Protein backbone atom coordinates (compact mmCIF):
# COMPACT_ATOMS: atom_id res chain seq x y z
CA MET A 1 -12.77 15.95 -1.98
CA GLY A 2 -10.31 18.79 -2.83
CA PRO A 3 -8.15 18.70 -6.09
CA HIS A 4 -5.27 17.12 -4.46
CA SER A 5 -6.42 13.74 -3.14
CA VAL A 6 -5.06 10.10 -2.98
CA HIS A 7 -7.67 7.17 -3.16
CA MET A 8 -6.73 4.35 -1.06
CA ARG A 9 -7.86 0.73 -1.65
CA GLY A 10 -7.47 -2.54 0.45
CA LEU A 11 -7.75 -0.93 3.76
CA PRO A 12 -8.30 -3.07 6.93
CA TYR A 13 -11.92 -3.24 8.05
CA LYS A 14 -10.98 -1.89 11.48
CA VAL A 15 -9.04 1.10 10.05
CA THR A 16 -9.40 4.22 11.54
CA GLU A 17 -8.62 7.88 10.52
CA ASN A 18 -5.99 7.96 12.82
CA ASP A 19 -4.29 4.96 11.17
CA ILE A 20 -4.39 6.67 7.93
CA TYR A 21 -2.84 9.76 9.35
CA ASN A 22 0.02 7.59 10.66
CA PHE A 23 0.34 5.68 7.55
CA PHE A 24 1.09 8.89 5.58
CA SER A 25 3.27 10.40 8.34
CA PRO A 26 5.17 12.63 8.18
CA LEU A 27 2.98 14.13 5.58
CA ASN A 28 -0.02 15.91 7.01
CA PRO A 29 -3.48 15.11 5.07
CA VAL A 30 -5.93 17.79 5.15
CA ARG A 31 -8.81 15.43 5.49
CA VAL A 32 -9.37 11.79 5.58
CA HIS A 33 -12.62 10.22 4.26
CA ILE A 34 -13.38 6.48 5.00
CA GLU A 35 -15.83 5.13 2.66
CA ILE A 36 -18.73 3.23 4.16
CA GLY A 37 -21.00 0.85 2.07
CA PRO A 38 -24.61 0.69 2.02
CA ASP A 39 -24.47 -2.07 4.65
CA GLY A 40 -22.56 0.30 7.03
CA ARG A 41 -19.42 -1.73 6.74
CA VAL A 42 -16.19 -0.15 5.74
CA THR A 43 -15.47 -0.70 1.77
CA GLY A 44 -11.78 -0.97 2.37
CA GLU A 45 -11.38 2.36 0.33
CA ALA A 46 -10.83 5.80 1.50
CA ASP A 47 -9.97 9.32 0.04
CA VAL A 48 -7.12 11.26 1.62
CA GLU A 49 -6.97 15.19 0.74
CA PHE A 50 -3.61 16.92 0.85
CA ALA A 51 -2.78 20.66 0.67
CA THR A 52 -0.73 20.54 -2.25
CA HIS A 53 -0.25 18.48 -5.40
CA GLU A 54 3.42 17.96 -4.46
CA GLU A 55 2.10 16.49 -1.02
CA ALA A 56 -0.18 14.09 -2.96
CA VAL A 57 2.49 13.04 -5.15
CA ALA A 58 4.76 12.41 -2.10
CA ALA A 59 2.04 10.35 -0.47
CA MET A 60 2.01 7.96 -3.52
CA SER A 61 5.54 6.84 -2.46
CA LYS A 62 3.48 4.83 -0.01
CA ASP A 63 1.71 2.79 -2.58
CA ARG A 64 1.67 -0.77 -1.71
CA ALA A 65 3.05 -0.23 1.60
CA ASN A 66 1.66 -2.45 4.44
CA MET A 67 -1.02 -1.44 7.04
CA GLN A 68 -1.81 -4.09 9.47
CA HIS A 69 -0.55 -6.87 7.12
CA ARG A 70 -2.41 -5.74 4.18
CA TYR A 71 -1.01 -4.04 1.23
CA ILE A 72 -2.41 -0.74 0.38
CA GLU A 73 -2.91 0.48 -3.28
CA LEU A 74 -3.01 4.26 -3.80
CA PHE A 75 -4.40 6.10 -6.74
CA LEU A 76 -3.38 9.78 -7.37
CA ASN A 77 -6.41 12.16 -7.95
CA SER A 78 -4.36 15.19 -7.87
CA THR A 79 -3.63 17.57 -10.93
CA THR A 80 -1.16 20.59 -10.92
CA GLY A 81 -3.42 22.78 -12.84
CA ALA A 82 -7.31 23.28 -12.90
CA SER A 83 -9.36 20.28 -14.23
CA ASN A 84 -10.67 20.79 -17.83
CA GLY A 85 -14.37 20.22 -17.34
CA ALA A 86 -14.92 19.74 -20.85
CA CYS A 87 -12.52 16.84 -20.95
CA SER A 88 -14.33 13.65 -21.12
CA SER A 89 -13.36 9.98 -20.47
CA GLN A 90 -12.82 9.41 -24.12
CA VAL A 91 -9.28 10.18 -23.73
CA MET A 92 -9.09 7.22 -21.50
CA GLN A 93 -10.93 4.98 -23.81
CA GLY A 94 -8.96 6.03 -26.72
CA MET A 95 -5.88 5.10 -24.72
CA GLY A 96 -7.37 1.42 -24.32
CA MET A 97 -7.28 1.38 -20.44
CA SER A 98 -8.86 2.24 -17.31
CA ALA A 99 -7.87 5.44 -15.36
CA ALA A 100 -6.51 3.27 -12.53
CA GLN A 101 -4.39 1.11 -15.05
CA ALA A 102 -3.15 4.63 -16.37
CA THR A 103 -2.31 5.88 -13.12
CA TYR A 104 -0.61 2.63 -11.97
CA ASN A 105 1.51 2.40 -15.39
CA GLY A 106 2.70 5.91 -14.61
CA LEU A 107 1.26 7.15 -18.02
CA GLU A 108 -0.73 9.80 -16.28
CA SER A 109 0.06 12.97 -18.45
CA GLN A 110 -1.46 16.23 -17.46
CA SER A 111 -4.19 15.75 -19.81
CA VAL A 112 -5.17 12.41 -18.57
CA SER A 113 -4.90 13.49 -14.90
CA GLY A 114 -7.27 16.38 -15.71
CA CYS A 115 -9.77 14.09 -17.33
CA TYR A 116 -9.39 11.46 -14.76
CA ARG A 117 -10.35 14.15 -12.11
CA ALA A 118 -13.24 15.56 -14.16
CA GLY A 119 -14.87 12.14 -14.68
CA TYR A 120 -14.08 10.82 -11.03
CA SER A 121 -17.13 11.48 -8.90
CA GLY A 122 -16.44 9.09 -6.19
CA GLN A 123 -17.87 6.00 -8.14
CA LYS A 124 -15.88 2.81 -7.83
CA ILE A 125 -13.40 3.27 -10.65
CA MET A 126 -13.56 -0.38 -11.74
CA GLY A 127 -17.30 -0.09 -12.48
CA GLY A 128 -18.01 -0.60 -16.04
CA TYR A 129 -14.83 -2.20 -16.84
CA ASP A 130 -16.17 -5.79 -16.30
């Protein structure tokens, strides 16, 4: 995914890319990637890439909006600047919360955002926080 993407969680199993484009209308995502699990079923998560940080931020206004009677959680993966590759997830641990919580609580400073991006490789965010 490009630098300006929004991660979606809680999607209906019959969701299509078209549904997702419609969900974000009037914004125009550059690319939609619906995650498929090892069993070939939709995981209920997707990554949606936008052209600019501003559009990704605007897309976040759809957080907890409904799609086919399910509410959709959104997580911002976008940064205004380049990600600092040397930045590690220790910043997150130092804050005592997961990246998802930091994003949700609106505490995402630029440094956190950069770390989040650098440490986010498509793995399930909640893994390791059991």
